[in-house]
């Protein structure tokens, strides 16, 4: 996502001032600490992804994973992306959040 989009999104929530831009790389914890002149322990790196999926009909969630169950016939080949995102998030002490938006005859979840 381009920095302008991030700024616009943060601006909607009054958080634009939280963005810091550097002339040097801050891609890793060590580089960010160097750019901010602080100890690496003071750096918390966060990744955030927004995924949207349109669907019609009813959505059913798996009680074990909390993820939507695919309505496709071959369920072993569908829904893997959500499972992978959840697995990766949990590996790094994170999680995923699913929100359903009812748009009349269609629904969207992200």
Protein backbone atom coordinates (compact mmCIF):
# COMPACT_ATOMS: atom_id res chain seq x y z
CA UNK A 1 0.00 0.00 0.00
CA UNK A 2 1.38 3.40 -0.94
CA UNK A 3 2.23 5.76 1.91
CA UNK A 4 -0.41 8.22 0.66
CA UNK A 5 -3.13 5.59 1.12
CA UNK A 6 -1.88 4.80 4.61
CA UNK A 7 -1.89 8.49 5.51
CA UNK A 8 -5.42 8.93 4.14
CA UNK A 9 -6.63 5.92 6.12
CA UNK A 10 -4.96 7.11 9.34
CA UNK A 11 -6.33 10.63 8.75
CA UNK A 12 -9.89 9.23 8.91
CA UNK A 13 -9.16 8.14 12.49
CA UNK A 14 -7.13 11.17 13.53
CA UNK A 15 -3.90 9.15 13.60
CA UNK A 16 -1.91 10.58 10.69
CA UNK A 17 0.69 12.04 13.05
CA UNK A 18 1.64 8.50 14.12
CA UNK A 19 3.35 7.85 10.77
CA UNK A 20 7.09 8.41 10.75
CA UNK A 21 9.06 8.51 7.52
CA UNK A 22 12.84 8.15 7.39
CA UNK A 23 15.58 8.89 4.87
CA UNK A 24 17.16 5.56 5.81
CA UNK A 25 15.67 2.06 5.76
CA UNK A 26 13.61 0.93 8.74
CA UNK A 27 12.71 -2.45 7.23
CA UNK A 28 14.01 -4.52 10.15
CA UNK A 29 13.82 -4.02 13.90
CA UNK A 30 17.54 -3.28 13.99
CA UNK A 31 17.35 -0.69 11.18
CA UNK A 32 14.26 0.94 12.73
CA UNK A 33 16.03 1.19 16.09
CA UNK A 34 19.01 2.77 14.39
CA UNK A 35 16.78 5.28 12.54
CA UNK A 36 14.99 6.18 15.79
CA UNK A 37 18.18 6.17 17.88
CA UNK A 38 16.82 3.68 20.39
CA UNK A 39 17.31 0.10 21.56
CA UNK A 40 15.84 -2.67 19.33
CA UNK A 41 13.69 -3.82 22.28
CA UNK A 42 11.70 -0.57 21.91
CA UNK A 43 10.59 -1.45 18.35
CA UNK A 44 7.37 -3.34 17.61
CA UNK A 45 6.94 -4.17 13.93
CA UNK A 46 3.37 -4.78 12.73
CA UNK A 47 2.00 -6.11 9.48
CA UNK A 48 -1.63 -5.62 8.59
CA UNK A 49 -3.50 -7.01 5.61
CA UNK A 50 -7.04 -6.35 4.47
CA UNK A 51 -8.65 -9.05 2.35
CA UNK A 52 -12.17 -8.75 0.98
CA UNK A 53 -14.37 -11.49 -0.42
CA UNK A 54 -17.88 -11.09 -1.87
CA UNK A 55 -20.38 -13.90 -1.48
CA UNK A 56 -24.08 -14.61 -1.63
CA UNK A 57 -26.04 -16.95 0.57
CA UNK A 58 -25.39 -17.95 4.13
CA UNK A 59 -21.97 -18.01 5.76
CA UNK A 60 -21.16 -20.78 8.19
CA UNK A 61 -18.18 -20.62 10.52
CA UNK A 62 -16.09 -23.57 11.65
CA UNK A 63 -16.48 -23.84 15.42
CA UNK A 64 -12.88 -25.03 15.84
CA UNK A 65 -11.03 -22.47 13.70
CA UNK A 66 -13.53 -19.61 13.74
CA UNK A 67 -13.07 -19.31 9.97
CA UNK A 68 -15.79 -19.34 7.32
CA UNK A 69 -16.41 -22.73 5.72
CA UNK A 70 -16.15 -22.72 1.93
CA UNK A 71 -19.37 -23.35 0.04
CA UNK A 72 -17.41 -24.80 -2.89
CA UNK A 73 -17.89 -28.49 -3.66
CA UNK A 74 -14.23 -29.41 -3.19
CA UNK A 75 -13.57 -27.81 0.20
CA UNK A 76 -10.07 -29.29 0.40
CA UNK A 77 -8.97 -26.88 -2.34
CA UNK A 78 -10.83 -23.78 -1.09
CA UNK A 79 -10.50 -21.65 2.04
CA UNK A 80 -6.78 -22.36 2.30
CA UNK A 81 -5.83 -18.69 2.16
CA UNK A 82 -7.74 -17.86 5.32
CA UNK A 83 -6.27 -20.88 7.11
CA UNK A 84 -2.76 -19.84 6.07
CA UNK A 85 -3.30 -16.25 7.19
CA UNK A 86 -4.57 -17.45 10.57
CA UNK A 87 -1.68 -19.88 11.00
CA UNK A 88 0.92 -17.21 10.15
CA UNK A 89 -0.73 -14.64 12.42
CA UNK A 90 -0.81 -17.03 15.37
CA UNK A 91 2.81 -18.03 14.76
CA UNK A 92 3.81 -14.43 15.45
CA UNK A 93 1.37 -13.91 18.36
CA UNK A 94 -1.27 -12.26 16.18
CA UNK A 95 -4.71 -13.18 14.95
CA UNK A 96 -7.19 -12.41 12.21
CA UNK A 97 -10.52 -10.64 12.54
CA UNK A 98 -13.43 -11.32 10.17
CA UNK A 99 -16.23 -8.78 9.72
CA UNK A 100 -19.39 -9.47 7.71
CA UNK A 101 -21.01 -6.59 5.77
CA UNK A 102 -24.58 -7.21 4.55
CA UNK A 103 -25.09 -5.45 1.22
CA UNK A 104 -28.64 -6.64 0.47
CA UNK A 105 -28.51 -9.58 -1.91
CA UNK A 106 -24.73 -9.91 -1.50
CA UNK A 107 -22.42 -9.93 1.48
CA UNK A 108 -18.79 -9.03 1.87
CA UNK A 109 -16.40 -10.17 4.52
CA UNK A 110 -13.02 -8.72 5.33
